[in-house]
N, C-alpha and C. Protein backbone atom coordinates (compact mmCIF):
# COMPACT_ATOMS: atom_id res chain seq x y z
N MET A 1 88.21 95.94 221.56
CA MET A 1 88.37 94.79 220.69
C MET A 1 87.02 94.28 220.24
N LEU A 2 87.03 93.67 219.07
CA LEU A 2 85.79 93.11 218.54
C LEU A 2 85.56 91.73 219.14
N SER A 3 84.31 91.44 219.40
CA SER A 3 83.97 90.10 219.91
C SER A 3 84.03 89.12 218.74
N HIS A 4 84.01 87.84 219.06
CA HIS A 4 84.05 86.82 218.02
C HIS A 4 82.84 86.95 217.10
N THR A 5 81.72 87.28 217.66
CA THR A 5 80.51 87.43 216.86
C THR A 5 80.66 88.62 215.91
N SER A 6 81.21 89.72 216.40
CA SER A 6 81.41 90.91 215.56
C SER A 6 82.41 90.62 214.45
N MET A 7 83.49 89.91 214.78
CA MET A 7 84.49 89.58 213.77
C MET A 7 83.90 88.64 212.72
N PHE A 8 83.06 87.70 213.15
CA PHE A 8 82.41 86.79 212.21
C PHE A 8 81.49 87.57 211.28
N ALA A 9 80.72 88.48 211.86
CA ALA A 9 79.80 89.29 211.07
C ALA A 9 80.57 90.14 210.06
N LEU A 10 81.71 90.71 210.49
CA LEU A 10 82.53 91.52 209.61
C LEU A 10 83.11 90.66 208.48
N ALA A 11 83.61 89.48 208.81
CA ALA A 11 84.16 88.58 207.80
C ALA A 11 83.09 88.15 206.80
N LEU A 12 81.88 87.87 207.31
CA LEU A 12 80.77 87.48 206.45
C LEU A 12 80.40 88.62 205.51
N ALA A 13 80.35 89.83 206.06
CA ALA A 13 80.02 91.00 205.24
C ALA A 13 81.05 91.21 204.13
N LEU A 14 82.32 91.05 204.48
CA LEU A 14 83.38 91.20 203.48
C LEU A 14 83.28 90.12 202.40
N ALA A 15 82.99 88.89 202.82
CA ALA A 15 82.87 87.80 201.86
C ALA A 15 81.69 88.03 200.93
N LEU A 16 80.57 88.47 201.48
CA LEU A 16 79.40 88.75 200.64
C LEU A 16 79.67 89.91 199.70
N GLY A 17 80.37 90.90 200.18
CA GLY A 17 80.73 92.04 199.32
C GLY A 17 81.61 91.62 198.17
N ALA A 18 82.56 90.73 198.43
CA ALA A 18 83.44 90.24 197.37
C ALA A 18 82.65 89.42 196.36
N THR A 19 81.70 88.62 196.83
CA THR A 19 80.87 87.82 195.94
C THR A 19 80.01 88.72 195.08
N THR A 20 79.46 89.77 195.66
CA THR A 20 78.63 90.70 194.91
C THR A 20 79.47 91.42 193.86
N ALA A 21 80.68 91.83 194.21
CA ALA A 21 81.56 92.51 193.26
C ALA A 21 81.89 91.57 192.10
N THR A 22 82.13 90.30 192.39
CA THR A 22 82.44 89.34 191.33
C THR A 22 81.24 89.15 190.42
N ALA A 23 80.06 89.09 190.98
CA ALA A 23 78.85 88.94 190.18
C ALA A 23 78.64 90.16 189.28
N LYS A 24 78.93 91.35 189.81
CA LYS A 24 78.79 92.56 188.99
C LYS A 24 79.81 92.55 187.86
N ASP A 25 81.05 92.12 188.15
CA ASP A 25 82.08 92.04 187.12
C ASP A 25 81.68 91.07 186.02
N ALA A 26 81.08 89.94 186.42
CA ALA A 26 80.64 88.95 185.45
C ALA A 26 79.53 89.51 184.58
N ALA A 27 78.65 90.32 185.18
CA ALA A 27 77.57 90.93 184.42
C ALA A 27 78.11 91.95 183.42
N LYS A 28 79.28 92.52 183.72
CA LYS A 28 79.88 93.51 182.83
C LYS A 28 80.70 92.86 181.73
N ALA A 29 80.80 91.55 181.69
CA ALA A 29 81.58 90.88 180.66
C ALA A 29 81.02 91.26 179.30
N LEU A 30 81.92 91.50 178.38
CA LEU A 30 81.52 91.92 177.04
C LEU A 30 80.98 90.75 176.24
N THR A 31 79.99 91.04 175.41
CA THR A 31 79.51 90.03 174.48
C THR A 31 80.59 89.85 173.41
N PRO A 32 80.54 88.77 172.65
CA PRO A 32 81.55 88.59 171.59
C PRO A 32 81.60 89.78 170.62
N GLN A 33 80.45 90.32 170.25
CA GLN A 33 80.44 91.46 169.33
C GLN A 33 81.05 92.70 169.98
N GLN A 34 80.77 92.92 171.26
CA GLN A 34 81.36 94.06 171.97
C GLN A 34 82.87 93.89 172.09
N GLN A 35 83.32 92.66 172.32
CA GLN A 35 84.75 92.40 172.42
C GLN A 35 85.42 92.64 171.08
N ARG A 36 84.76 92.19 170.00
CA ARG A 36 85.31 92.41 168.65
C ARG A 36 85.41 93.90 168.38
N MET A 37 84.38 94.66 168.76
CA MET A 37 84.38 96.12 168.55
C MET A 37 85.55 96.75 169.32
N ALA A 38 85.76 96.32 170.55
CA ALA A 38 86.85 96.87 171.36
C ALA A 38 88.19 96.52 170.73
N ASP A 39 88.35 95.28 170.27
CA ASP A 39 89.61 94.85 169.66
C ASP A 39 89.88 95.62 168.35
N CYS A 40 88.85 95.71 167.50
CA CYS A 40 89.02 96.42 166.23
C CYS A 40 89.33 97.89 166.47
N ASN A 41 88.64 98.49 167.43
CA ASN A 41 88.84 99.89 167.74
C ASN A 41 90.27 100.14 168.22
N GLN A 42 90.79 99.22 169.02
CA GLN A 42 92.15 99.35 169.52
C GLN A 42 93.16 99.24 168.37
N GLN A 43 92.92 98.30 167.45
CA GLN A 43 93.82 98.13 166.31
C GLN A 43 93.80 99.33 165.37
N ALA A 44 92.67 100.02 165.31
CA ALA A 44 92.51 101.15 164.39
C ALA A 44 92.81 102.49 165.05
N ALA A 45 93.40 102.46 166.23
CA ALA A 45 93.62 103.69 167.00
C ALA A 45 94.38 104.77 166.24
N ASP A 46 95.34 104.39 165.42
CA ASP A 46 96.13 105.41 164.72
C ASP A 46 95.65 105.68 163.30
N MET A 47 94.51 105.12 162.93
CA MET A 47 93.95 105.33 161.59
C MET A 47 92.91 106.43 161.62
N THR A 48 92.73 107.07 160.47
CA THR A 48 91.71 108.11 160.36
C THR A 48 91.01 107.98 159.01
N GLY A 49 89.89 108.65 158.90
CA GLY A 49 89.18 108.78 157.63
C GLY A 49 88.78 107.48 156.98
N ALA A 50 88.95 107.44 155.66
CA ALA A 50 88.53 106.29 154.86
C ALA A 50 89.28 105.02 155.24
N GLN A 51 90.54 105.17 155.59
CA GLN A 51 91.33 103.99 155.98
C GLN A 51 90.71 103.34 157.22
N ARG A 52 90.36 104.15 158.21
CA ARG A 52 89.76 103.63 159.45
C ARG A 52 88.40 103.00 159.17
N LYS A 53 87.60 103.69 158.36
CA LYS A 53 86.26 103.20 158.05
C LYS A 53 86.33 101.84 157.35
N SER A 54 87.21 101.73 156.38
CA SER A 54 87.37 100.48 155.65
C SER A 54 87.87 99.36 156.57
N PHE A 55 88.87 99.68 157.39
CA PHE A 55 89.42 98.69 158.31
C PHE A 55 88.35 98.23 159.29
N MET A 56 87.64 99.16 159.91
CA MET A 56 86.63 98.80 160.92
C MET A 56 85.52 97.95 160.30
N SER A 57 85.10 98.30 159.10
CA SER A 57 84.05 97.53 158.43
C SER A 57 84.48 96.07 158.25
N ALA A 58 85.67 95.87 157.72
CA ALA A 58 86.15 94.51 157.50
C ALA A 58 86.40 93.79 158.82
N CYS A 59 86.98 94.48 159.78
CA CYS A 59 87.29 93.88 161.07
C CYS A 59 86.02 93.45 161.80
N LEU A 60 85.02 94.28 161.81
CA LEU A 60 83.78 93.96 162.52
C LEU A 60 83.01 92.81 161.86
N LYS A 61 83.24 92.60 160.57
CA LYS A 61 82.62 91.47 159.88
C LYS A 61 83.37 90.18 160.19
N GLY A 62 84.52 90.32 160.86
CA GLY A 62 85.30 89.15 161.21
C GLY A 62 86.28 88.75 160.12
N GLU A 63 86.42 89.60 159.11
CA GLU A 63 87.37 89.30 158.05
C GLU A 63 88.78 89.52 158.57
N ALA A 64 89.68 88.69 158.14
CA ALA A 64 91.07 88.84 158.56
C ALA A 64 91.65 90.08 157.90
N VAL A 65 91.97 91.05 158.71
CA VAL A 65 92.51 92.31 158.20
C VAL A 65 93.78 92.60 158.97
N ALA A 66 94.83 92.82 158.26
CA ALA A 66 96.08 93.18 158.92
C ALA A 66 96.15 94.69 159.00
N ALA A 67 96.35 95.18 160.20
CA ALA A 67 96.53 96.62 160.37
C ALA A 67 97.83 97.00 159.66
N PRO A 68 97.82 98.13 158.98
CA PRO A 68 99.04 98.52 158.29
C PRO A 68 100.19 98.64 159.27
N ALA A 69 101.26 97.97 158.95
CA ALA A 69 102.43 98.01 159.83
C ALA A 69 103.18 99.32 159.62
N THR A 70 103.50 99.94 160.69
CA THR A 70 104.30 101.15 160.60
C THR A 70 105.63 100.85 161.26
N GLN A 71 106.68 101.04 160.50
CA GLN A 71 108.01 100.77 161.00
C GLN A 71 108.73 102.09 161.25
N THR A 72 109.54 102.09 162.25
CA THR A 72 110.39 103.26 162.48
C THR A 72 111.49 103.22 161.42
N GLN A 73 112.16 104.34 161.24
CA GLN A 73 113.24 104.40 160.27
C GLN A 73 114.33 103.38 160.62
N GLN A 74 114.60 103.23 161.91
CA GLN A 74 115.61 102.27 162.35
C GLN A 74 115.20 100.84 161.99
N GLU A 75 113.92 100.51 162.17
CA GLU A 75 113.44 99.17 161.83
C GLU A 75 113.53 98.93 160.32
N LYS A 76 113.20 99.97 159.53
CA LYS A 76 113.32 99.85 158.08
C LYS A 76 114.77 99.60 157.69
N MET A 77 115.67 100.36 158.28
CA MET A 77 117.09 100.23 157.95
C MET A 77 117.57 98.82 158.28
N THR A 78 117.20 98.31 159.43
CA THR A 78 117.61 96.96 159.84
C THR A 78 117.06 95.91 158.88
N SER A 79 115.77 96.03 158.54
CA SER A 79 115.14 95.07 157.65
C SER A 79 115.75 95.11 156.25
N CYS A 80 115.90 96.30 155.70
CA CYS A 80 116.47 96.44 154.36
C CYS A 80 117.91 95.95 154.33
N ASN A 81 118.67 96.27 155.36
CA ASN A 81 120.05 95.84 155.45
C ASN A 81 120.14 94.31 155.44
N ALA A 82 119.27 93.67 156.21
CA ALA A 82 119.26 92.21 156.27
C ALA A 82 118.91 91.62 154.91
N GLN A 83 117.94 92.22 154.23
CA GLN A 83 117.56 91.73 152.90
C GLN A 83 118.71 91.87 151.91
N ALA A 84 119.36 93.03 151.94
CA ALA A 84 120.48 93.27 151.03
C ALA A 84 121.61 92.28 151.31
N SER A 85 121.86 92.01 152.58
CA SER A 85 122.92 91.06 152.93
C SER A 85 122.56 89.65 152.47
N SER A 86 121.29 89.27 152.64
CA SER A 86 120.88 87.91 152.24
C SER A 86 120.96 87.74 150.72
N LYS A 87 120.90 88.85 149.98
CA LYS A 87 121.01 88.80 148.52
C LYS A 87 122.45 89.01 148.05
N ASN A 88 123.35 89.14 149.02
CA ASN A 88 124.77 89.34 148.73
C ASN A 88 125.01 90.55 147.83
N LEU A 89 124.28 91.63 148.06
CA LEU A 89 124.44 92.84 147.25
C LEU A 89 125.63 93.64 147.73
N LYS A 90 126.36 94.23 146.78
CA LYS A 90 127.53 95.03 147.08
C LYS A 90 127.51 96.29 146.20
N GLY A 91 128.23 97.30 146.65
CA GLY A 91 128.44 98.51 145.85
C GLY A 91 127.17 99.20 145.40
N ALA A 92 127.15 99.54 144.11
CA ALA A 92 126.04 100.30 143.53
C ALA A 92 124.72 99.53 143.61
N ASP A 93 124.80 98.21 143.42
CA ASP A 93 123.57 97.40 143.50
C ASP A 93 122.96 97.48 144.89
N ARG A 94 123.81 97.43 145.91
CA ARG A 94 123.32 97.51 147.30
C ARG A 94 122.72 98.88 147.56
N ARG A 95 123.41 99.95 147.12
CA ARG A 95 122.90 101.31 147.33
C ARG A 95 121.55 101.50 146.66
N THR A 96 121.42 101.00 145.44
CA THR A 96 120.14 101.11 144.71
C THR A 96 119.04 100.36 145.45
N PHE A 97 119.35 99.13 145.86
CA PHE A 97 118.37 98.33 146.59
C PHE A 97 117.96 99.01 147.89
N MET A 98 118.95 99.48 148.65
CA MET A 98 118.66 100.12 149.94
C MET A 98 117.80 101.35 149.75
N SER A 99 118.10 102.15 148.75
CA SER A 99 117.33 103.35 148.49
C SER A 99 115.87 103.01 148.21
N THR A 100 115.66 102.03 147.36
CA THR A 100 114.30 101.61 147.00
C THR A 100 113.59 101.01 148.22
N CYS A 101 114.30 100.17 148.94
CA CYS A 101 113.71 99.51 150.11
C CYS A 101 113.33 100.53 151.19
N LEU A 102 114.21 101.48 151.47
CA LEU A 102 113.94 102.46 152.52
C LEU A 102 112.80 103.41 152.16
N ARG A 103 112.55 103.58 150.86
CA ARG A 103 111.39 104.40 150.45
C ARG A 103 110.09 103.65 150.70
N GLY A 104 110.19 102.36 150.96
CA GLY A 104 108.99 101.57 151.26
C GLY A 104 108.44 100.89 150.04
N ASP A 105 109.21 100.86 148.95
CA ASP A 105 108.78 100.17 147.75
C ASP A 105 108.90 98.67 148.01
N HIS A 106 107.78 98.00 148.19
CA HIS A 106 107.79 96.58 148.54
C HIS A 106 108.16 95.69 147.36
N THR A 107 108.33 96.29 146.21
CA THR A 107 108.71 95.50 145.05
C THR A 107 110.22 95.59 144.82
N ALA A 108 110.92 96.07 145.85
CA ALA A 108 112.38 96.20 145.72
C ALA A 108 113.00 94.85 145.44
N THR A 109 113.75 94.79 144.36
CA THR A 109 114.43 93.56 143.99
C THR A 109 115.87 93.85 143.68
N ALA A 110 116.64 92.83 143.68
CA ALA A 110 118.05 92.99 143.35
C ALA A 110 118.17 93.26 141.86
N PRO A 111 119.04 94.16 141.46
CA PRO A 111 119.23 94.43 140.04
C PRO A 111 119.73 93.17 139.32
N ALA A 112 119.26 92.97 138.12
CA ALA A 112 119.69 91.82 137.33
C ALA A 112 121.03 92.11 136.69
N HIS A 113 121.86 91.09 136.61
CA HIS A 113 123.18 91.25 135.98
C HIS A 113 123.17 90.66 134.61
């Protein structure tokens, strides 16, 4: 068994080790620019080429840049369906709207009567 002195020394060593680890972690804290770089890099993970370069440039300057949203086909269908329903579209008008909306044409509007 450990004596009280040995247990105290062990507890002290563990406490000092934890304090040292915390100090090292604090020293590893990212600067604001490094954090911005990490955040922008994470947002641009699925981008390549000119799109990535343009996004990173704007993001690193601190400009508000929305990463292009990518929707699954199911999400597109749900969104377009909700829009068509809110516009009370039926029959051919609904089919035309849905077709345009699902292609990703953001200018999809209800046909005029």
